[in-house]
Amino acid sequence: MYLLIIILHKEEYLDDVLETLVELGVDEAITMEVESLGKALAYKVPIFAGLRLGIESKPYSRTIFAVTDDPQTGRKLIEMLRKVDIDLEAKGVARILTVKLESIYGTPEEITEI
């Protein structure tokens, strides 16, 4: 099992990323709104306010955590989205990490109503 972590800086691609994950058979995922340390300092600590000049985007990003059996899911996601002109590897768009898991405990929450 692998943990796929997608840090998505361009939130306008969130729906496309989630839909593509489902196409790849990834149905156990969660999303979170997060902010980087640099952005947190720039926006919340007055002494670092000058850092805002170097920050072009909003202070928050989306992070997607997904469990998958395929260590190539991140690469497949990138390739599929390129076909619809979304380049996750372009500067400032996303960062994708795959981490091998030794064990997983518990079961995912079941969604009964949408």
PDB file of N, CA and C in Angstrom:
ATOM      1  N   MET A   1       0.846  -1.189   0.000  1.00  0.00           N
ATOM      2  CA  MET A   1       0.000   0.000   0.000  1.00  0.00           C
ATOM      3  C   MET A   1       0.885   1.244   0.000  1.00  0.00           C
ATOM      4  N   TYR A   2       0.353   2.294  -0.609  1.00  0.00           N
ATOM      5  CA  TYR A   2       1.078   3.550  -0.709  1.00  0.00           C
ATOM      6  C   TYR A   2       0.163   4.701  -0.333  1.00  0.00           C
ATOM      7  N   LEU A   3       0.769   5.730   0.227  1.00  0.00           N
ATOM      8  CA  LEU A   3       0.054   6.960   0.519  1.00  0.00           C
ATOM      9  C   LEU A   3       0.449   7.965  -0.546  1.00  0.00           C
ATOM     10  N   LEU A   4      -0.541   8.425  -1.295  1.00  0.00           N
ATOM     11  CA  LEU A   4      -0.331   9.437  -2.320  1.00  0.00           C
ATOM     12  C   LEU A   4      -0.713  10.781  -1.711  1.00  0.00           C
ATOM     13  N   ILE A   5       0.211  11.720  -1.733  1.00  0.00           N
ATOM     14  CA  ILE A   5      -0.037  13.055  -1.190  1.00  0.00           C
ATOM     15  C   ILE A   5       0.079  14.044  -2.342  1.00  0.00           C
ATOM     16  N   ILE A   6      -0.982  14.782  -2.574  1.00  0.00           N
ATOM     17  CA  ILE A   6      -0.994  15.775  -3.640  1.00  0.00           C
ATOM     18  C   ILE A   6      -1.204  17.139  -2.997  1.00  0.00           C
ATOM     19  N   ILE A   7      -0.213  17.998  -3.109  1.00  0.00           N
ATOM     20  CA  ILE A   7      -0.330  19.369  -2.610  1.00  0.00           C
ATOM     21  C   ILE A   7      -0.675  20.221  -3.820  1.00  0.00           C
ATOM     22  N   LEU A   8      -1.913  20.649  -3.897  1.00  0.00           N
ATOM     23  CA  LEU A   8      -2.433  21.335  -5.071  1.00  0.00           C
ATOM     24  C   LEU A   8      -2.520  22.833  -4.795  1.00  0.00           C
ATOM     25  N   HIS A   9      -1.644  23.576  -5.429  1.00  0.00           N
ATOM     26  CA  HIS A   9      -1.618  25.024  -5.229  1.00  0.00           C
ATOM     27  C   HIS A   9      -2.653  25.739  -6.091  1.00  0.00           C
ATOM     28  N   LYS A  10      -3.041  25.149  -7.189  1.00  0.00           N
ATOM     29  CA  LYS A  10      -4.052  25.726  -8.092  1.00  0.00           C
ATOM     30  C   LYS A  10      -5.377  25.020  -7.837  1.00  0.00           C
ATOM     31  N   GLU A  11      -6.169  25.605  -6.937  1.00  0.00           N
ATOM     32  CA  GLU A  11      -7.400  24.956  -6.493  1.00  0.00           C
ATOM     33  C   GLU A  11      -8.423  24.790  -7.625  1.00  0.00           C
ATOM     34  N   GLU A  12      -8.275  25.554  -8.686  1.00  0.00           N
ATOM     35  CA  GLU A  12      -9.206  25.419  -9.812  1.00  0.00           C
ATOM     36  C   GLU A  12      -9.105  24.041 -10.479  1.00  0.00           C
ATOM     37  N   TYR A  13      -8.046  23.287 -10.190  1.00  0.00           N
ATOM     38  CA  TYR A  13      -7.879  21.948 -10.746  1.00  0.00           C
ATOM     39  C   TYR A  13      -8.376  20.850  -9.812  1.00  0.00           C
ATOM     40  N   LEU A  14      -8.908  21.209  -8.668  1.00  0.00           N
ATOM     41  CA  LEU A  14      -9.309  20.213  -7.666  1.00  0.00           C
ATOM     42  C   LEU A  14     -10.296  19.197  -8.220  1.00  0.00           C
ATOM     43  N   ASP A  15     -11.366  19.650  -8.864  1.00  0.00           N
ATOM     44  CA  ASP A  15     -12.364  18.715  -9.387  1.00  0.00           C
ATOM     45  C   ASP A  15     -11.753  17.769 -10.416  1.00  0.00           C
ATOM     46  N   ASP A  16     -10.904  18.297 -11.295  1.00  0.00           N
ATOM     47  CA  ASP A  16     -10.260  17.457 -12.312  1.00  0.00           C
ATOM     48  C   ASP A  16      -9.369  16.401 -11.666  1.00  0.00           C
ATOM     49  N   VAL A  17      -8.620  16.792 -10.646  1.00  0.00           N
ATOM     50  CA  VAL A  17      -7.738  15.856  -9.959  1.00  0.00           C
ATOM     51  C   VAL A  17      -8.558  14.765  -9.279  1.00  0.00           C
ATOM     52  N   LEU A  18      -9.615  15.147  -8.571  1.00  0.00           N
ATOM     53  CA  LEU A  18     -10.442  14.161  -7.871  1.00  0.00           C
ATOM     54  C   LEU A  18     -11.127  13.201  -8.846  1.00  0.00           C
ATOM     55  N   GLU A  19     -11.655  13.734  -9.939  1.00  0.00           N
ATOM     56  CA  GLU A  19     -12.308  12.883 -10.940  1.00  0.00           C
ATOM     57  C   GLU A  19     -11.315  11.901 -11.553  1.00  0.00           C
ATOM     58  N   THR A  20     -10.102  12.352 -11.808  1.00  0.00           N
ATOM     59  CA  THR A  20      -9.085  11.489 -12.393  1.00  0.00           C
ATOM     60  C   THR A  20      -8.650  10.415 -11.403  1.00  0.00           C
ATOM     61  N   LEU A  21      -8.558  10.755 -10.134  1.00  0.00           N
ATOM     62  CA  LEU A  21      -8.232   9.749  -9.123  1.00  0.00           C
ATOM     63  C   LEU A  21      -9.279   8.644  -9.111  1.00  0.00           C
ATOM     64  N   VAL A  22     -10.546   9.018  -9.202  1.00  0.00           N
ATOM     65  CA  VAL A  22     -11.613   8.016  -9.231  1.00  0.00           C
ATOM     66  C   VAL A  22     -11.462   7.134 -10.473  1.00  0.00           C
ATOM     67  N   GLU A  23     -11.137   7.743 -11.617  1.00  0.00           N
ATOM     68  CA  GLU A  23     -10.907   6.966 -12.846  1.00  0.00           C
ATOM     69  C   GLU A  23      -9.758   5.977 -12.667  1.00  0.00           C
ATOM     70  N   LEU A  24      -8.776   6.338 -11.859  1.00  0.00           N
ATOM     71  CA  LEU A  24      -7.629   5.470 -11.602  1.00  0.00           C
ATOM     72  C   LEU A  24      -7.918   4.427 -10.529  1.00  0.00           C
ATOM     73  N   GLY A  25      -9.146   4.425 -10.001  1.00  0.00           N
ATOM     74  CA  GLY A  25      -9.524   3.430  -8.999  1.00  0.00           C
ATOM     75  C   GLY A  25      -9.221   3.829  -7.572  1.00  0.00           C
ATOM     76  N   VAL A  26      -8.872   5.084  -7.363  1.00  0.00           N
ATOM     77  CA  VAL A  26      -8.587   5.580  -6.008  1.00  0.00           C
ATOM     78  C   VAL A  26      -9.882   6.147  -5.445  1.00  0.00           C
ATOM     79  N   ASP A  27     -10.443   5.438  -4.483  1.00  0.00           N
ATOM     80  CA  ASP A  27     -11.700   5.910  -3.900  1.00  0.00           C
ATOM     81  C   ASP A  27     -11.581   6.186  -2.408  1.00  0.00           C
ATOM     82  N   GLU A  28     -10.400   6.000  -1.864  1.00  0.00           N
ATOM     83  CA  GLU A  28     -10.163   6.254  -0.445  1.00  0.00           C
ATOM     84  C   GLU A  28      -9.235   7.465  -0.331  1.00  0.00           C
ATOM     85  N   ALA A  29      -9.835   8.658  -0.309  1.00  0.00           N
ATOM     86  CA  ALA A  29      -9.038   9.886  -0.266  1.00  0.00           C
ATOM     87  C   ALA A  29      -9.742  10.934   0.592  1.00  0.00           C
ATOM     88  N   ILE A  30      -8.935  11.850   1.110  1.00  0.00           N
ATOM     89  CA  ILE A  30      -9.485  12.992   1.836  1.00  0.00           C
ATOM     90  C   ILE A  30      -8.793  14.251   1.317  1.00  0.00           C
ATOM     91  N   THR A  31      -9.470  15.387   1.447  1.00  0.00           N
ATOM     92  CA  THR A  31      -8.868  16.660   1.066  1.00  0.00           C
ATOM     93  C   THR A  31      -8.861  17.581   2.272  1.00  0.00           C
ATOM     94  N   MET A  32      -7.846  18.429   2.310  1.00  0.00           N
ATOM     95  CA  MET A  32      -7.722  19.394   3.396  1.00  0.00           C
ATOM     96  C   MET A  32      -7.268  20.726   2.822  1.00  0.00           C
ATOM     97  N   GLU A  33      -7.719  21.799   3.434  1.00  0.00           N
ATOM     98  CA  GLU A  33      -7.196  23.116   3.105  1.00  0.00           C
ATOM     99  C   GLU A  33      -5.997  23.354   4.010  1.00  0.00           C
ATOM    100  N   VAL A  34      -4.862  23.677   3.417  1.00  0.00           N
ATOM    101  CA  VAL A  34      -3.622  23.817   4.175  1.00  0.00           C
ATOM    102  C   VAL A  34      -2.891  25.084   3.755  1.00  0.00           C
ATOM    103  N   GLU A  35      -1.908  25.478   4.560  1.00  0.00           N
ATOM    104  CA  GLU A  35      -1.051  26.582   4.176  1.00  0.00           C
ATOM    105  C   GLU A  35       0.393  26.235   4.512  1.00  0.00           C
ATOM    106  N   SER A  36       1.303  26.717   3.690  1.00  0.00           N
ATOM    107  CA  SER A  36       2.716  26.430   3.911  1.00  0.00           C
ATOM    108  C   SER A  36       3.244  27.282   5.063  1.00  0.00           C
ATOM    109  N   LEU A  37       4.373  26.890   5.591  1.00  0.00           N
ATOM    110  CA  LEU A  37       5.001  27.638   6.676  1.00  0.00           C
ATOM    111  C   LEU A  37       5.320  29.067   6.226  1.00  0.00           C
ATOM    112  N   GLY A  38       5.866  29.199   5.036  1.00  0.00           N
ATOM    113  CA  GLY A  38       6.214  30.536   4.529  1.00  0.00           C
ATOM    114  C   GLY A  38       5.004  31.445   4.427  1.00  0.00           C
ATOM    115  N   LYS A  39       3.896  30.895   3.915  1.00  0.00           N
ATOM    116  CA  LYS A  39       2.680  31.704   3.794  1.00  0.00           C
ATOM    117  C   LYS A  39       2.087  32.016   5.165  1.00  0.00           C
ATOM    118  N   ALA A  40       2.146  31.078   6.079  1.00  0.00           N
ATOM    119  CA  ALA A  40       1.637  31.324   7.432  1.00  0.00           C
ATOM    120  C   ALA A  40       2.425  32.446   8.083  1.00  0.00           C
ATOM    121  N   LEU A  41       3.732  32.406   7.947  1.00  0.00           N
ATOM    122  CA  LEU A  41       4.562  33.468   8.525  1.00  0.00           C
ATOM    123  C   LEU A  41       4.272  34.810   7.869  1.00  0.00           C
ATOM    124  N   ALA A  42       4.179  34.809   6.554  1.00  0.00           N
ATOM    125  CA  ALA A  42       3.975  36.054   5.822  1.00  0.00           C
ATOM    126  C   ALA A  42       2.644  36.721   6.166  1.00  0.00           C
ATOM    127  N   TYR A  43       1.615  35.926   6.397  1.00  0.00           N
ATOM    128  CA  TYR A  43       0.294  36.496   6.621  1.00  0.00           C
ATOM    129  C   TYR A  43      -0.085  36.625   8.092  1.00  0.00           C
ATOM    130  N   LYS A  44       0.590  35.924   8.997  1.00  0.00           N
ATOM    131  CA  LYS A  44       0.161  35.919  10.392  1.00  0.00           C
ATOM    132  C   LYS A  44       1.182  36.453  11.385  1.00  0.00           C
ATOM    133  N   VAL A  45       2.425  36.570  10.987  1.00  0.00           N
ATOM    134  CA  VAL A  45       3.456  37.060  11.890  1.00  0.00           C
ATOM    135  C   VAL A  45       3.975  38.384  11.333  1.00  0.00           C
ATOM    136  N   PRO A  46       3.658  39.502  11.996  1.00  0.00           N
ATOM    137  CA  PRO A  46       3.990  40.825  11.454  1.00  0.00           C
ATOM    138  C   PRO A  46       5.451  41.007  11.033  1.00  0.00           C
ATOM    139  N   ILE A  47       6.374  40.436  11.762  1.00  0.00           N
ATOM    140  CA  ILE A  47       7.785  40.632  11.446  1.00  0.00           C
ATOM    141  C   ILE A  47       8.144  40.047  10.069  1.00  0.00           C
ATOM    142  N   PHE A  48       7.359  39.066   9.594  1.00  0.00           N
ATOM    143  CA  PHE A  48       7.620  38.427   8.304  1.00  0.00           C
ATOM    144  C   PHE A  48       6.700  38.945   7.189  1.00  0.00           C
ATOM    145  N   ALA A  49       5.975  40.014   7.438  1.00  0.00           N
ATOM    146  CA  ALA A  49       5.015  40.529   6.455  1.00  0.00           C
ATOM    147  C   ALA A  49       5.667  40.849   5.116  1.00  0.00           C
ATOM    148  N   GLY A  50       6.929  41.185   5.113  1.00  0.00           N
ATOM    149  CA  GLY A  50       7.632  41.473   3.861  1.00  0.00           C
ATOM    150  C   GLY A  50       7.705  40.279   2.933  1.00  0.00           C
ATOM    151  N   LEU A  51       7.535  39.079   3.454  1.00  0.00           N
ATOM    152  CA  LEU A  51       7.544  37.881   2.617  1.00  0.00           C
ATOM    153  C   LEU A  51       6.382  37.850   1.641  1.00  0.00           C
ATOM    154  N   ARG A  52       5.317  38.594   1.921  1.00  0.00           N
ATOM    155  CA  ARG A  52       4.149  38.607   1.045  1.00  0.00           C
ATOM    156  C   ARG A  52       4.503  39.062  -0.359  1.00  0.00           C
ATOM    157  N   LEU A  53       5.525  39.882  -0.472  1.00  0.00           N
ATOM    158  CA  LEU A  53       5.916  40.390  -1.786  1.00  0.00           C
ATOM    159  C   LEU A  53       6.306  39.251  -2.726  1.00  0.00           C
ATOM    160  N   GLY A  54       6.859  38.195  -2.208  1.00  0.00           N
ATOM    161  CA  GLY A  54       7.277  37.071  -3.036  1.00  0.00           C
ATOM    162  C   GLY A  54       6.208  36.016  -3.235  1.00  0.00           C
ATOM    163  N   ILE A  55       5.030  36.211  -2.628  1.00  0.00           N
ATOM    164  CA  ILE A  55       3.952  35.233  -2.718  1.00  0.00           C
ATOM    165  C   ILE A  55       2.903  35.746  -3.685  1.00  0.00           C
ATOM    166  N   GLU A  56       2.741  35.035  -4.788  1.00  0.00           N
ATOM    167  CA  GLU A  56       1.821  35.472  -5.835  1.00  0.00           C
ATOM    168  C   GLU A  56       0.404  34.962  -5.639  1.00  0.00           C
ATOM    169  N   SER A  57       0.242  33.864  -4.936  1.00  0.00           N
ATOM    170  CA  SER A  57      -1.067  33.244  -4.828  1.00  0.00           C
ATOM    171  C   SER A  57      -1.685  33.482  -3.453  1.00  0.00           C
ATOM    172  N   LYS A  58      -2.905  32.977  -3.296  1.00  0.00           N
ATOM    173  CA  LYS A  58      -3.573  33.068  -2.001  1.00  0.00           C
ATOM    174  C   LYS A  58      -2.827  32.216  -0.985  1.00  0.00           C
ATOM    175  N   PRO A  59      -3.055  32.435   0.290  1.00  0.00           N
ATOM    176  CA  PRO A  59      -2.255  31.740   1.301  1.00  0.00           C
ATOM    177  C   PRO A  59      -2.591  30.256   1.489  1.00  0.00           C
ATOM    178  N   TYR A  60      -3.663  29.773   0.889  1.00  0.00           N
ATOM    179  CA  TYR A  60      -4.064  28.391   1.131  1.00  0.00           C
ATOM    180  C   TYR A  60      -3.951  27.532  -0.119  1.00  0.00           C
ATOM    181  N   SER A  61      -3.709  26.245   0.095  1.00  0.00           N
ATOM    182  CA  SER A  61      -3.666  25.233  -0.958  1.00  0.00           C
ATOM    183  C   SER A  61      -4.567  24.088  -0.526  1.00  0.00           C
ATOM    184  N   ARG A  62      -4.759  23.125  -1.401  1.00  0.00           N
ATOM    185  CA  ARG A  62      -5.488  21.905  -1.064  1.00  0.00           C
ATOM    186  C   ARG A  62      -4.500  20.756  -1.027  1.00  0.00           C
ATOM    187  N   THR A  63      -4.648  19.899  -0.045  1.00  0.00           N
ATOM    188  CA  THR A  63      -3.841  18.694   0.009  1.00  0.00           C
ATOM    189  C   THR A  63      -4.779  17.503  -0.013  1.00  0.00           C
ATOM    190  N   ILE A  64      -4.452  16.562  -0.868  1.00  0.00           N
ATOM    191  CA  ILE A  64      -5.245  15.346  -1.022  1.00  0.00           C
ATOM    192  C   ILE A  64      -4.390  14.182  -0.524  1.00  0.00           C
ATOM    193  N   PHE A  65      -4.953  13.404   0.364  1.00  0.00           N
ATOM    194  CA  PHE A  65      -4.298  12.199   0.863  1.00  0.00           C
ATOM    195  C   PHE A  65      -5.103  11.012   0.346  1.00  0.00           C
ATOM    196  N   ALA A  66      -4.440  10.089  -0.347  1.00  0.00           N
ATOM    197  CA  ALA A  66      -5.136   8.930  -0.902  1.00  0.00           C
ATOM    198  C   ALA A  66      -4.309   7.676  -0.682  1.00  0.00           C
ATOM    199  N   VAL A  67      -4.992   6.572  -0.448  1.00  0.00           N
ATOM    200  CA  VAL A  67      -4.331   5.282  -0.301  1.00  0.00           C
ATOM    201  C   VAL A  67      -4.506   4.523  -1.618  1.00  0.00           C
ATOM    202  N   THR A  68      -3.411   3.946  -2.111  1.00  0.00           N
ATOM    203  CA  THR A  68      -3.443   3.224  -3.377  1.00  0.00           C
ATOM    204  C   THR A  68      -2.521   2.008  -3.321  1.00  0.00           C
ATOM    205  N   ASP A  69      -2.816   1.021  -4.138  1.00  0.00           N
ATOM    206  CA  ASP A  69      -1.954  -0.153  -4.257  1.00  0.00           C
ATOM    207  C   ASP A  69      -0.853   0.061  -5.287  1.00  0.00           C
ATOM    208  N   ASP A  70      -1.029   1.039  -6.163  1.00  0.00           N
ATOM    209  CA  ASP A  70      -0.123   1.261  -7.287  1.00  0.00           C
ATOM    210  C   ASP A  70       0.849   2.409  -6.996  1.00  0.00           C
ATOM    211  N   PRO A  71       2.148   2.133  -6.946  1.00  0.00           N
ATOM    212  CA  PRO A  71       3.108   3.199  -6.673  1.00  0.00           C
ATOM    213  C   PRO A  71       3.215   4.210  -7.822  1.00  0.00           C
ATOM    214  N   GLN A  72       2.640   3.889  -8.976  1.00  0.00           N
ATOM    215  CA  GLN A  72       2.700   4.778 -10.138  1.00  0.00           C
ATOM    216  C   GLN A  72       1.441   5.642 -10.295  1.00  0.00           C
ATOM    217  N   THR A  73       0.564   5.648  -9.309  1.00  0.00           N
ATOM    218  CA  THR A  73      -0.678   6.421  -9.410  1.00  0.00           C
ATOM    219  C   THR A  73      -0.404   7.895  -9.652  1.00  0.00           C
ATOM    220  N   GLY A  74       0.572   8.462  -8.973  1.00  0.00           N
ATOM    221  CA  GLY A  74       0.908   9.878  -9.172  1.00  0.00           C
ATOM    222  C   GLY A  74       1.336  10.164 -10.599  1.00  0.00           C
ATOM    223  N   ARG A  75       2.192   9.311 -11.158  1.00  0.00           N
ATOM    224  CA  ARG A  75       2.652   9.467 -12.542  1.00  0.00           C
ATOM    225  C   ARG A  75       1.486   9.332 -13.512  1.00  0.00           C
ATOM    226  N   LYS A  76       0.599   8.354 -13.277  1.00  0.00           N
ATOM    227  CA  LYS A  76      -0.575   8.152 -14.139  1.00  0.00           C
ATOM    228  C   LYS A  76      -1.516   9.351 -14.073  1.00  0.00           C
ATOM    229  N   LEU A  77      -1.673   9.919 -12.885  1.00  0.00           N
ATOM    230  CA  LEU A  77      -2.504  11.107 -12.705  1.00  0.00           C
ATOM    231  C   LEU A  77      -1.963  12.261 -13.551  1.00  0.00           C
ATOM    232  N   ILE A  78      -0.665  12.481 -13.487  1.00  0.00           N
ATOM    233  CA  ILE A  78      -0.030  13.545 -14.268  1.00  0.00           C
ATOM    234  C   ILE A  78      -0.265  13.328 -15.758  1.00  0.00           C
ATOM    235  N   GLU A  79      -0.058  12.115 -16.232  1.00  0.00           N
ATOM    236  CA  GLU A  79      -0.214  11.806 -17.658  1.00  0.00           C
ATOM    237  C   GLU A  79      -1.653  11.994 -18.125  1.00  0.00           C
ATOM    238  N   MET A  80      -2.618  11.549 -17.326  1.00  0.00           N
ATOM    239  CA  MET A  80      -4.022  11.684 -17.723  1.00  0.00           C
ATOM    240  C   MET A  80      -4.451  13.142 -17.770  1.00  0.00           C
ATOM    241  N   LEU A  81      -3.997  13.947 -16.805  1.00  0.00           N
ATOM    242  CA  LEU A  81      -4.398  15.347 -16.784  1.00  0.00           C
ATOM    243  C   LEU A  81      -3.715  16.152 -17.887  1.00  0.00           C
ATOM    244  N   ARG A  82      -2.536  15.735 -18.317  1.00  0.00           N
ATOM    245  CA  ARG A  82      -1.872  16.408 -19.444  1.00  0.00           C
ATOM    246  C   ARG A  82      -2.718  16.316 -20.711  1.00  0.00           C
ATOM    247  N   LYS A  83      -3.471  15.236 -20.848  1.00  0.00           N
ATOM    248  CA  LYS A  83      -4.317  15.044 -22.023  1.00  0.00           C
ATOM    249  C   LYS A  83      -5.434  16.080 -22.104  1.00  0.00           C
ATOM    250  N   VAL A  84      -5.765  16.701 -20.955  1.00  0.00           N
ATOM    251  CA  VAL A  84      -6.789  17.763 -20.944  1.00  0.00           C
ATOM    252  C   VAL A  84      -6.155  19.115 -20.603  1.00  0.00           C
ATOM    253  N   ASP A  85      -4.866  19.243 -20.961  1.00  0.00           N
ATOM    254  CA  ASP A  85      -4.109  20.489 -20.812  1.00  0.00           C
ATOM    255  C   ASP A  85      -3.957  20.989 -19.386  1.00  0.00           C
ATOM    256  N   ILE A  86      -3.825  20.072 -18.451  1.00  0.00           N
ATOM    257  CA  ILE A  86      -3.505  20.431 -17.068  1.00  0.00           C
ATOM    258  C   ILE A  86      -2.145  19.822 -16.752  1.00  0.00           C
ATOM    259  N   ASP A  87      -1.168  20.680 -16.502  1.00  0.00           N
ATOM    260  CA  ASP A  87       0.188  20.216 -16.231  1.00  0.00           C
ATOM    261  C   ASP A  87       0.490  20.373 -14.743  1.00  0.00           C
ATOM    262  N   LEU A  88       0.344  19.287 -14.006  1.00  0.00           N
ATOM    263  CA  LEU A  88       0.581  19.337 -12.570  1.00  0.00           C
ATOM    264  C   LEU A  88       2.054  19.566 -12.245  1.00  0.00           C
ATOM    265  N   GLU A  89       2.951  19.316 -13.205  1.00  0.00           N
ATOM    266  CA  GLU A  89       4.373  19.501 -12.963  1.00  0.00           C
ATOM    267  C   GLU A  89       4.855  20.915 -13.273  1.00  0.00           C
ATOM    268  N   ALA A  90       3.968  21.757 -13.792  1.00  0.00           N
ATOM    269  CA  ALA A  90       4.348  23.146 -14.056  1.00  0.00           C
ATOM    270  C   ALA A  90       4.627  23.856 -12.730  1.00  0.00           C
ATOM    271  N   LYS A  91       5.504  24.827 -12.766  1.00  0.00           N
ATOM    272  CA  LYS A  91       5.898  25.537 -11.553  1.00  0.00           C
ATOM    273  C   LYS A  91       4.685  26.136 -10.838  1.00  0.00           C
ATOM    274  N   GLY A  92       4.591  25.838  -9.541  1.00  0.00           N
ATOM    275  CA  GLY A  92       3.546  26.423  -8.711  1.00  0.00           C
ATOM    276  C   GLY A  92       2.181  25.784  -8.811  1.00  0.00           C
ATOM    277  N   VAL A  93       2.051  24.662  -9.534  1.00  0.00           N
ATOM    278  CA  VAL A  93       0.737  24.039  -9.693  1.00  0.00           C
ATOM    279  C   VAL A  93       0.493  22.982  -8.616  1.00  0.00           C
ATOM    280  N   ALA A  94       1.418  22.040  -8.482  1.00  0.00           N
ATOM    281  CA  ALA A  94       1.200  20.943  -7.526  1.00  0.00           C
ATOM    282  C   ALA A  94       2.521  20.282  -7.179  1.00  0.00           C
ATOM    283  N   ARG A  95       2.463  19.495  -6.138  1.00  0.00           N
ATOM    284  CA  ARG A  95       3.581  18.632  -5.747  1.00  0.00           C
ATOM    285  C   ARG A  95       2.962  17.297  -5.373  1.00  0.00           C
ATOM    286  N   ILE A  96       3.533  16.211  -5.873  1.00  0.00           N
ATOM    287  CA  ILE A  96       2.976  14.888  -5.632  1.00  0.00           C
ATOM    288  C   ILE A  96       4.039  14.010  -4.987  1.00  0.00           C
ATOM    289  N   LEU A  97       3.662  13.367  -3.892  1.00  0.00           N
ATOM    290  CA  LEU A  97       4.573  12.478  -3.179  1.00  0.00           C
ATOM    291  C   LEU A  97       3.911  11.121  -3.018  1.00  0.00           C
ATOM    292  N   THR A  98       4.696  10.067  -3.091  1.00  0.00           N
ATOM    293  CA  THR A  98       4.208   8.717  -2.843  1.00  0.00           C
ATOM    294  C   THR A  98       5.066   8.116  -1.740  1.00  0.00           C
ATOM    295  N   VAL A  99       4.405   7.622  -0.696  1.00  0.00           N
ATOM    296  CA  VAL A  99       5.102   7.069   0.466  1.00  0.00           C
ATOM    297  C   VAL A  99       4.637   5.632   0.680  1.00  0.00           C
ATOM    298  N   LYS A 100       5.578   4.709   0.803  1.00  0.00           N
ATOM    299  CA  LYS A 100       5.230   3.307   1.066  1.00  0.00           C
ATOM    300  C   LYS A 100       4.750   3.184   2.510  1.00  0.00           C
ATOM    301  N   LEU A 101       3.635   2.503   2.687  1.00  0.00           N
ATOM    302  CA  LEU A 101       3.056   2.298   4.011  1.00  0.00           C
ATOM    303  C   LEU A 101       3.380   0.897   4.509  1.00  0.00           C
ATOM    304  N   GLU A 102       3.741   0.800   5.760  1.00  0.00           N
ATOM    305  CA  GLU A 102       4.000  -0.512   6.350  1.00  0.00           C
ATOM    306  C   GLU A 102       2.717  -1.160   6.849  1.00  0.00           C
ATOM    307  N   SER A 103       1.797  -0.344   7.333  1.00  0.00           N
ATOM    308  CA  SER A 103       0.545  -0.901   7.830  1.00  0.00           C
ATOM    309  C   SER A 103      -0.528   0.172   7.840  1.00  0.00           C
ATOM    310  N   ILE A 104      -1.762  -0.299   7.791  1.00  0.00           N
ATOM    311  CA  ILE A 104      -2.935   0.586   7.871  1.00  0.00           C
ATOM    312  C   ILE A 104      -3.901  -0.065   8.847  1.00  0.00           C
ATOM    313  N   TYR A 105      -4.428   0.721   9.766  1.00  0.00           N
ATOM    314  CA  TYR A 105      -5.390   0.213  10.747  1.00  0.00           C
ATOM    315  C   TYR A 105      -6.698   0.961  10.583  1.00  0.00           C
ATOM    316  N   GLY A 106      -7.789   0.308  10.861  1.00  0.00           N
ATOM    317  CA  GLY A 106      -9.098   0.920  10.759  1.00  0.00           C
ATOM    318  C   GLY A 106      -9.654   0.791   9.359  1.00  0.00           C
ATOM    319  N   THR A 107     -10.876   1.238   9.194  1.00  0.00           N
ATOM    320  CA  THR A 107     -11.536   1.183   7.891  1.00  0.00           C
ATOM    321  C   THR A 107     -12.012   2.582   7.542  1.00  0.00           C
ATOM    322  N   PRO A 108     -12.078   2.881   6.239  1.00  0.00           N
ATOM    323  CA  PRO A 108     -12.517   4.223   5.845  1.00  0.00           C
ATOM    324  C   PRO A 108     -13.993   4.440   6.169  1.00  0.00           C
ATOM    325  N   GLU A 109     -14.345   5.697   6.299  1.00  0.00           N
ATOM    326  CA  GLU A 109     -15.736   6.068   6.523  1.00  0.00           C
ATOM    327  C   GLU A 109     -16.548   5.754   5.279  1.00  0.00           C
ATOM    328  N   GLU A 110     -17.740   5.194   5.470  1.00  0.00           N
ATOM    329  CA  GLU A 110     -18.623   4.922   4.336  1.00  0.00           C
ATOM    330  C   GLU A 110     -19.558   6.089   4.141  1.00  0.00           C
ATOM    331  N   ILE A 111     -19.677   6.535   2.907  1.00  0.00           N
ATOM    332  CA  ILE A 111     -20.582   7.632   2.585  1.00  0.00           C
ATOM    333  C   ILE A 111     -21.883   7.014   2.096  1.00  0.00           C
ATOM    334  N   THR A 112     -22.958   7.266   2.823  1.00  0.00           N
ATOM    335  CA  THR A 112     -24.237   6.668   2.459  1.00  0.00           C
ATOM    336  C   THR A 112     -25.140   7.638   1.720  1.00  0.00           C
ATOM    337  N   GLU A 113     -24.933   8.939   1.934  1.00  0.00           N
ATOM    338  CA  GLU A 113     -25.760   9.949   1.253  1.00  0.00           C
ATOM    339  C   GLU A 113     -24.864  11.002   0.666  1.00  0.00           C
ATOM    340  N   ILE A 114     -25.217  11.470  -0.503  1.00  0.00           N
ATOM    341  CA  ILE A 114     -24.474  12.560  -1.122  1.00  0.00           C
ATOM    342  C   ILE A 114     -25.411  13.711  -1.368  1.00  0.00           C
TER     343      ILE A 114
END
